[in-house]
Amino acid sequence: MADRAPTRPRLRLVASRVATVLACLLVWAALVLPNRISELSPTAFLRIPLEGLVIVGLALALPARLARRAAVLVGVVLGL
């Protein structure tokens, strides 16, 4: 019996989705982390950042082509 190894496109898809989820978690953490270390607690991570909701709403409201461009622009701005 030959083992069926995952194909490259499938592996790329999984890696892409994992990277996307990790990037989203990093941005979310950056938006909700408190300014002072004394305020750091598990409940600090339960907040929903307004900026994140606006970005997601914008991405959902735009057509797919413009949403991809907006995602690149937001990524560059967040990276800076």
PDB file of N, CA and C in Angstrom:
ATOM      1  N   MET A   1       0.835  -1.183   0.000  1.00  0.00           N
ATOM      2  CA  MET A   1       0.000   0.000   0.000  1.00  0.00           C
ATOM      3  C   MET A   1       0.879   1.245   0.000  1.00  0.00           C
ATOM      4  N   ALA A   2       0.593   2.092  -0.882  1.00  0.00           N
ATOM      5  CA  ALA A   2       1.358   3.331  -0.970  1.00  0.00           C
ATOM      6  C   ALA A   2       0.697   4.400  -0.108  1.00  0.00           C
ATOM      7  N   ASP A   3       1.509   5.028   0.709  1.00  0.00           N
ATOM      8  CA  ASP A   3       0.988   6.127   1.515  1.00  0.00           C
ATOM      9  C   ASP A   3       0.812   7.343   0.627  1.00  0.00           C
ATOM     10  N   ARG A   4      -0.274   7.992   0.808  1.00  0.00           N
ATOM     11  CA  ARG A   4      -0.534   9.194   0.012  1.00  0.00           C
ATOM     12  C   ARG A   4      -0.034  10.403   0.783  1.00  0.00           C
ATOM     13  N   ALA A   5       1.061  10.944   0.337  1.00  0.00           N
ATOM     14  CA  ALA A   5       1.621  12.139   0.962  1.00  0.00           C
ATOM     15  C   ALA A   5       0.806  13.348   0.515  1.00  0.00           C
ATOM     16  N   PRO A   6       0.686  14.342   1.392  1.00  0.00           N
ATOM     17  CA  PRO A   6      -0.053  15.541   0.989  1.00  0.00           C
ATOM     18  C   PRO A   6       0.624  16.190  -0.211  1.00  0.00           C
ATOM     19  N   THR A   7      -0.173  16.651  -1.126  1.00  0.00           N
ATOM     20  CA  THR A   7       0.378  17.313  -2.303  1.00  0.00           C
ATOM     21  C   THR A   7       0.842  18.709  -1.937  1.00  0.00           C
ATOM     22  N   ARG A   8       1.702  19.257  -2.756  1.00  0.00           N
ATOM     23  CA  ARG A   8       2.244  20.586  -2.485  1.00  0.00           C
ATOM     24  C   ARG A   8       1.169  21.665  -2.419  1.00  0.00           C
ATOM     25  N   PRO A   9       0.218  21.689  -3.338  1.00  0.00           N
ATOM     26  CA  PRO A   9      -0.815  22.734  -3.233  1.00  0.00           C
ATOM     27  C   PRO A   9      -1.607  22.641  -1.926  1.00  0.00           C
ATOM     28  N   ARG A  10      -1.889  21.437  -1.480  1.00  0.00           N
ATOM     29  CA  ARG A  10      -2.628  21.265  -0.219  1.00  0.00           C
ATOM     30  C   ARG A  10      -1.793  21.767   0.958  1.00  0.00           C
ATOM     31  N   LEU A  11      -0.502  21.446   0.946  1.00  0.00           N
ATOM     32  CA  LEU A  11       0.393  21.892   2.009  1.00  0.00           C
ATOM     33  C   LEU A  11       0.513  23.414   2.013  1.00  0.00           C
ATOM     34  N   ARG A  12       0.587  24.006   0.833  1.00  0.00           N
ATOM     35  CA  ARG A  12       0.638  25.467   0.743  1.00  0.00           C
ATOM     36  C   ARG A  12      -0.636  26.105   1.269  1.00  0.00           C
ATOM     37  N   LEU A  13      -1.765  25.509   0.962  1.00  0.00           N
ATOM     38  CA  LEU A  13      -3.041  26.041   1.434  1.00  0.00           C
ATOM     39  C   LEU A  13      -3.103  26.019   2.958  1.00  0.00           C
ATOM     40  N   VAL A  14      -2.698  24.904   3.541  1.00  0.00           N
ATOM     41  CA  VAL A  14      -2.714  24.790   5.003  1.00  0.00           C
ATOM     42  C   VAL A  14      -1.734  25.788   5.618  1.00  0.00           C
ATOM     43  N   ALA A  15      -0.529  25.880   5.065  1.00  0.00           N
ATOM     44  CA  ALA A  15       0.472  26.816   5.584  1.00  0.00           C
ATOM     45  C   ALA A  15      -0.013  28.254   5.457  1.00  0.00           C
ATOM     46  N   SER A  16      -0.676  28.563   4.363  1.00  0.00           N
ATOM     47  CA  SER A  16      -1.204  29.906   4.157  1.00  0.00           C
ATOM     48  C   SER A  16      -2.270  30.248   5.189  1.00  0.00           C
ATOM     49  N   ARG A  17      -3.144  29.311   5.445  1.00  0.00           N
ATOM     50  CA  ARG A  17      -4.208  29.568   6.426  1.00  0.00           C
ATOM     51  C   ARG A  17      -3.657  29.677   7.838  1.00  0.00           C
ATOM     52  N   VAL A  18      -2.683  28.854   8.176  1.00  0.00           N
ATOM     53  CA  VAL A  18      -2.066  28.938   9.504  1.00  0.00           C
ATOM     54  C   VAL A  18      -1.365  30.282   9.664  1.00  0.00           C
ATOM     55  N   ALA A  19      -0.645  30.724   8.640  1.00  0.00           N
ATOM     56  CA  ALA A  19       0.032  32.020   8.703  1.00  0.00           C
ATOM     57  C   ALA A  19      -0.972  33.161   8.835  1.00  0.00           C
ATOM     58  N   THR A  20      -2.095  33.054   8.152  1.00  0.00           N
ATOM     59  CA  THR A  20      -3.127  34.089   8.240  1.00  0.00           C
ATOM     60  C   THR A  20      -3.713  34.159   9.645  1.00  0.00           C
ATOM     61  N   VAL A  21      -4.001  33.015  10.229  1.00  0.00           N
ATOM     62  CA  VAL A  21      -4.551  32.988  11.587  1.00  0.00           C
ATOM     63  C   VAL A  21      -3.544  33.551  12.581  1.00  0.00           C
ATOM     64  N   LEU A  22      -2.278  33.169  12.448  1.00  0.00           N
ATOM     65  CA  LEU A  22      -1.256  33.693  13.358  1.00  0.00           C
ATOM     66  C   LEU A  22      -1.089  35.205  13.199  1.00  0.00           C
ATOM     67  N   ALA A  23      -1.149  35.700  11.974  1.00  0.00           N
ATOM     68  CA  ALA A  23      -1.051  37.143  11.747  1.00  0.00           C
ATOM     69  C   ALA A  23      -2.233  37.868  12.381  1.00  0.00           C
ATOM     70  N   CYS A  24      -3.425  37.307  12.234  1.00  0.00           N
ATOM     71  CA  CYS A  24      -4.613  37.924  12.845  1.00  0.00           C
ATOM     72  C   CYS A  24      -4.504  37.944  14.363  1.00  0.00           C
ATOM     73  N   LEU A  25      -4.014  36.872  14.940  1.00  0.00           N
ATOM     74  CA  LEU A  25      -3.833  36.825  16.394  1.00  0.00           C
ATOM     75  C   LEU A  25      -2.798  37.850  16.857  1.00  0.00           C
ATOM     76  N   LEU A  26      -1.744  38.024  16.094  1.00  0.00           N
ATOM     77  CA  LEU A  26      -0.721  39.004  16.448  1.00  0.00           C
ATOM     78  C   LEU A  26      -1.277  40.424  16.398  1.00  0.00           C
ATOM     79  N   VAL A  27      -2.037  40.743  15.372  1.00  0.00           N
ATOM     80  CA  VAL A  27      -2.645  42.078  15.262  1.00  0.00           C
ATOM     81  C   VAL A  27      -3.648  42.291  16.386  1.00  0.00           C
ATOM     82  N   TRP A  28      -4.470  41.281  16.663  1.00  0.00           N
ATOM     83  CA  TRP A  28      -5.450  41.401  17.746  1.00  0.00           C
ATOM     84  C   TRP A  28      -4.750  41.638  19.079  1.00  0.00           C
ATOM     85  N   ALA A  29      -3.677  40.883  19.352  1.00  0.00           N
ATOM     86  CA  ALA A  29      -2.943  41.067  20.602  1.00  0.00           C
ATOM     87  C   ALA A  29      -2.345  42.463  20.680  1.00  0.00           C
ATOM     88  N   ALA A  30      -1.831  42.952  19.566  1.00  0.00           N
ATOM     89  CA  ALA A  30      -1.260  44.305  19.568  1.00  0.00           C
ATOM     90  C   ALA A  30      -2.326  45.361  19.836  1.00  0.00           C
ATOM     91  N   LEU A  31      -3.543  45.116  19.395  1.00  0.00           N
ATOM     92  CA  LEU A  31      -4.615  46.093  19.604  1.00  0.00           C
ATOM     93  C   LEU A  31      -5.172  46.067  21.017  1.00  0.00           C
ATOM     94  N   VAL A  32      -5.127  44.932  21.696  1.00  0.00           N
ATOM     95  CA  VAL A  32      -5.759  44.849  23.017  1.00  0.00           C
ATOM     96  C   VAL A  32      -4.779  44.880  24.185  1.00  0.00           C
ATOM     97  N   LEU A  33      -3.482  44.768  23.916  1.00  0.00           N
ATOM     98  CA  LEU A  33      -2.527  44.807  25.026  1.00  0.00           C
ATOM     99  C   LEU A  33      -2.588  46.155  25.729  1.00  0.00           C
ATOM    100  N   PRO A  34      -2.605  46.154  27.053  1.00  0.00           N
ATOM    101  CA  PRO A  34      -2.638  47.428  27.785  1.00  0.00           C
ATOM    102  C   PRO A  34      -1.295  48.143  27.694  1.00  0.00           C
ATOM    103  N   ASN A  35      -1.324  49.443  27.957  1.00  0.00           N
ATOM    104  CA  ASN A  35      -0.104  50.252  27.899  1.00  0.00           C
ATOM    105  C   ASN A  35       0.828  49.988  29.069  1.00  0.00           C
ATOM    106  N   ARG A  36       0.279  49.649  30.200  1.00  0.00           N
ATOM    107  CA  ARG A  36       1.081  49.408  31.403  1.00  0.00           C
ATOM    108  C   ARG A  36       1.090  47.922  31.732  1.00  0.00           C
ATOM    109  N   ILE A  37       2.247  47.421  32.114  1.00  0.00           N
ATOM    110  CA  ILE A  37       2.392  45.999  32.435  1.00  0.00           C
ATOM    111  C   ILE A  37       1.563  45.626  33.673  1.00  0.00           C
ATOM    112  N   SER A  38       1.315  46.583  34.547  1.00  0.00           N
ATOM    113  CA  SER A  38       0.527  46.304  35.753  1.00  0.00           C
ATOM    114  C   SER A  38      -0.939  46.015  35.416  1.00  0.00           C
ATOM    115  N   GLU A  39      -1.394  46.474  34.250  1.00  0.00           N
ATOM    116  CA  GLU A  39      -2.780  46.237  33.839  1.00  0.00           C
ATOM    117  C   GLU A  39      -2.947  44.952  33.039  1.00  0.00           C
ATOM    118  N   LEU A  40      -1.857  44.230  32.828  1.00  0.00           N
ATOM    119  CA  LEU A  40      -1.901  43.001  32.045  1.00  0.00           C
ATOM    120  C   LEU A  40      -2.567  41.891  32.849  1.00  0.00           C
ATOM    121  N   SER A  41      -3.656  41.367  32.326  1.00  0.00           N
ATOM    122  CA  SER A  41      -4.380  40.272  32.964  1.00  0.00           C
ATOM    123  C   SER A  41      -5.089  39.476  31.869  1.00  0.00           C
ATOM    124  N   PRO A  42      -5.536  38.282  32.188  1.00  0.00           N
ATOM    125  CA  PRO A  42      -6.254  37.509  31.170  1.00  0.00           C
ATOM    126  C   PRO A  42      -7.501  38.207  30.647  1.00  0.00           C
ATOM    127  N   THR A  43      -8.154  38.990  31.488  1.00  0.00           N
ATOM    128  CA  THR A  43      -9.363  39.675  31.037  1.00  0.00           C
ATOM    129  C   THR A  43      -9.051  40.795  30.043  1.00  0.00           C
ATOM    130  N   ALA A  44      -7.800  41.258  30.013  1.00  0.00           N
ATOM    131  CA  ALA A  44      -7.419  42.292  29.053  1.00  0.00           C
ATOM    132  C   ALA A  44      -7.543  41.775  27.624  1.00  0.00           C
ATOM    133  N   PHE A  45      -7.415  40.479  27.439  1.00  0.00           N
ATOM    134  CA  PHE A  45      -7.489  39.894  26.107  1.00  0.00           C
ATOM    135  C   PHE A  45      -8.917  39.590  25.675  1.00  0.00           C
ATOM    136  N   LEU A  46      -9.891  39.842  26.517  1.00  0.00           N
ATOM    137  CA  LEU A  46     -11.288  39.579  26.177  1.00  0.00           C
ATOM    138  C   LEU A  46     -11.950  40.755  25.468  1.00  0.00           C
ATOM    139  N   ARG A  47     -11.263  41.875  25.435  1.00  0.00           N
ATOM    140  CA  ARG A  47     -11.826  43.043  24.743  1.00  0.00           C
ATOM    141  C   ARG A  47     -11.870  42.806  23.249  1.00  0.00           C
ATOM    142  N   ILE A  48     -12.807  43.447  22.596  1.00  0.00           N
ATOM    143  CA  ILE A  48     -12.880  43.407  21.135  1.00  0.00           C
ATOM    144  C   ILE A  48     -12.493  44.794  20.648  1.00  0.00           C
ATOM    145  N   PRO A  49     -11.372  44.903  19.942  1.00  0.00           N
ATOM    146  CA  PRO A  49     -10.924  46.227  19.516  1.00  0.00           C
ATOM    147  C   PRO A  49     -11.807  46.799  18.410  1.00  0.00           C
ATOM    148  N   LEU A  50     -12.188  48.042  18.570  1.00  0.00           N
ATOM    149  CA  LEU A  50     -13.029  48.722  17.585  1.00  0.00           C
ATOM    150  C   LEU A  50     -12.330  48.807  16.232  1.00  0.00           C
ATOM    151  N   GLU A  51     -11.022  49.011  16.255  1.00  0.00           N
ATOM    152  CA  GLU A  51     -10.269  49.111  14.997  1.00  0.00           C
ATOM    153  C   GLU A  51     -10.385  47.813  14.200  1.00  0.00           C
ATOM    154  N   GLY A  52     -10.323  46.695  14.889  1.00  0.00           N
ATOM    155  CA  GLY A  52     -10.437  45.398  14.223  1.00  0.00           C
ATOM    156  C   GLY A  52     -11.804  45.203  13.595  1.00  0.00           C
ATOM    157  N   LEU A  53     -12.844  45.622  14.297  1.00  0.00           N
ATOM    158  CA  LEU A  53     -14.192  45.510  13.747  1.00  0.00           C
ATOM    159  C   LEU A  53     -14.370  46.382  12.505  1.00  0.00           C
ATOM    160  N   VAL A  54     -13.778  47.570  12.524  1.00  0.00           N
ATOM    161  CA  VAL A  54     -13.867  48.458  11.367  1.00  0.00           C
ATOM    162  C   VAL A  54     -13.147  47.845  10.168  1.00  0.00           C
ATOM    163  N   ILE A  55     -11.985  47.280  10.388  1.00  0.00           N
ATOM    164  CA  ILE A  55     -11.218  46.665   9.303  1.00  0.00           C
ATOM    165  C   ILE A  55     -11.971  45.478   8.721  1.00  0.00           C
ATOM    166  N   VAL A  56     -12.517  44.628   9.578  1.00  0.00           N
ATOM    167  CA  VAL A  56     -13.274  43.459   9.100  1.00  0.00           C
ATOM    168  C   VAL A  56     -14.530  43.915   8.360  1.00  0.00           C
ATOM    169  N   GLY A  57     -15.233  44.904   8.895  1.00  0.00           N
ATOM    170  CA  GLY A  57     -16.428  45.424   8.220  1.00  0.00           C
ATOM    171  C   GLY A  57     -16.112  45.999   6.853  1.00  0.00           C
ATOM    172  N   LEU A  58     -14.994  46.701   6.770  1.00  0.00           N
ATOM    173  CA  LEU A  58     -14.572  47.261   5.484  1.00  0.00           C
ATOM    174  C   LEU A  58     -14.258  46.140   4.490  1.00  0.00           C
ATOM    175  N   ALA A  59     -13.566  45.127   4.945  1.00  0.00           N
ATOM    176  CA  ALA A  59     -13.213  44.007   4.061  1.00  0.00           C
ATOM    177  C   ALA A  59     -14.461  43.277   3.572  1.00  0.00           C
ATOM    178  N   LEU A  60     -15.466  43.159   4.424  1.00  0.00           N
ATOM    179  CA  LEU A  60     -16.696  42.474   4.029  1.00  0.00           C
ATOM    180  C   LEU A  60     -17.562  43.326   3.097  1.00  0.00           C
ATOM    181  N   ALA A  61     -17.471  44.646   3.230  1.00  0.00           N
ATOM    182  CA  ALA A  61     -18.311  45.529   2.419  1.00  0.00           C
ATOM    183  C   ALA A  61     -17.749  45.745   1.014  1.00  0.00           C
ATOM    184  N   LEU A  62     -16.448  45.607   0.862  1.00  0.00           N
ATOM    185  CA  LEU A  62     -15.822  45.854  -0.439  1.00  0.00           C
ATOM    186  C   LEU A  62     -15.927  44.632  -1.343  1.00  0.00           C
ATOM    187  N   PRO A  63     -15.926  44.850  -2.647  1.00  0.00           N
ATOM    188  CA  PRO A  63     -15.836  43.710  -3.573  1.00  0.00           C
ATOM    189  C   PRO A  63     -14.491  42.987  -3.372  1.00  0.00           C
ATOM    190  N   ALA A  64     -14.426  41.734  -3.780  1.00  0.00           N
ATOM    191  CA  ALA A  64     -13.249  40.903  -3.519  1.00  0.00           C
ATOM    192  C   ALA A  64     -11.953  41.536  -4.018  1.00  0.00           C
ATOM    193  N   ARG A  65     -11.990  42.104  -5.204  1.00  0.00           N
ATOM    194  CA  ARG A  65     -10.777  42.699  -5.771  1.00  0.00           C
ATOM    195  C   ARG A  65     -10.281  43.867  -4.921  1.00  0.00           C
ATOM    196  N   LEU A  66     -11.181  44.736  -4.514  1.00  0.00           N
ATOM    197  CA  LEU A  66     -10.794  45.877  -3.678  1.00  0.00           C
ATOM    198  C   LEU A  66     -10.454  45.435  -2.258  1.00  0.00           C
ATOM    199  N   ALA A  67     -11.108  44.387  -1.784  1.00  0.00           N
ATOM    200  CA  ALA A  67     -10.820  43.891  -0.439  1.00  0.00           C
ATOM    201  C   ALA A  67      -9.389  43.382  -0.350  1.00  0.00           C
ATOM    202  N   ARG A  68      -8.910  42.720  -1.408  1.00  0.00           N
ATOM    203  CA  ARG A  68      -7.522  42.240  -1.413  1.00  0.00           C
ATOM    204  C   ARG A  68      -6.552  43.419  -1.378  1.00  0.00           C
ATOM    205  N   ARG A  69      -6.852  44.448  -2.157  1.00  0.00           N
ATOM    206  CA  ARG A  69      -5.986  45.637  -2.143  1.00  0.00           C
ATOM    207  C   ARG A  69      -6.016  46.321  -0.782  1.00  0.00           C
ATOM    208  N   ALA A  70      -7.186  46.415  -0.204  1.00  0.00           N
ATOM    209  CA  ALA A  70      -7.303  47.021   1.125  1.00  0.00           C
ATOM    210  C   ALA A  70      -6.551  46.195   2.160  1.00  0.00           C
ATOM    211  N   ALA A  71      -6.595  44.866   2.040  1.00  0.00           N
ATOM    212  CA  ALA A  71      -5.880  43.996   2.975  1.00  0.00           C
ATOM    213  C   ALA A  71      -4.378  44.221   2.888  1.00  0.00           C
ATOM    214  N   VAL A  72      -3.882  44.396   1.678  1.00  0.00           N
ATOM    215  CA  VAL A  72      -2.449  44.672   1.503  1.00  0.00           C
ATOM    216  C   VAL A  72      -2.109  46.024   2.124  1.00  0.00           C
ATOM    217  N   LEU A  73      -2.940  47.020   1.867  1.00  0.00           N
ATOM    218  CA  LEU A  73      -2.702  48.353   2.420  1.00  0.00           C
ATOM    219  C   LEU A  73      -2.736  48.334   3.950  1.00  0.00           C
ATOM    220  N   VAL A  74      -3.723  47.681   4.526  1.00  0.00           N
ATOM    221  CA  VAL A  74      -3.827  47.585   5.994  1.00  0.00           C
ATOM    222  C   VAL A  74      -2.632  46.827   6.554  1.00  0.00           C
ATOM    223  N   GLY A  75      -2.206  45.775   5.871  1.00  0.00           N
ATOM    224  CA  GLY A  75      -1.037  45.011   6.315  1.00  0.00           C
ATOM    225  C   GLY A  75       0.227  45.856   6.335  1.00  0.00           C
ATOM    226  N   VAL A  76       0.412  46.667   5.296  1.00  0.00           N
ATOM    227  CA  VAL A  76       1.579  47.531   5.232  1.00  0.00           C
ATOM    228  C   VAL A  76       1.520  48.583   6.344  1.00  0.00           C
ATOM    229  N   VAL A  77       0.354  49.171   6.536  1.00  0.00           N
ATOM    230  CA  VAL A  77       0.210  50.198   7.592  1.00  0.00           C
ATOM    231  C   VAL A  77       0.459  49.591   8.965  1.00  0.00           C
ATOM    232  N   LEU A  78      -0.090  48.423   9.219  1.00  0.00           N
ATOM    233  CA  LEU A  78       0.119  47.776  10.512  1.00  0.00           C
ATOM    234  C   LEU A  78       1.583  47.372  10.691  1.00  0.00           C
ATOM    235  N   GLY A  79       2.218  46.997   9.608  1.00  0.00           N
ATOM    236  CA  GLY A  79       3.631  46.635   9.680  1.00  0.00           C
ATOM    237  C   GLY A  79       4.533  47.823  10.014  1.00  0.00           C
ATOM    238  N   LEU A  80       4.120  48.982   9.542  1.00  0.00           N
ATOM    239  CA  LEU A  80       4.912  50.193   9.839  1.00  0.00           C
ATOM    240  C   LEU A  80       4.707  50.629  11.270  1.00  0.00           C
TER     241      LEU A  80
END
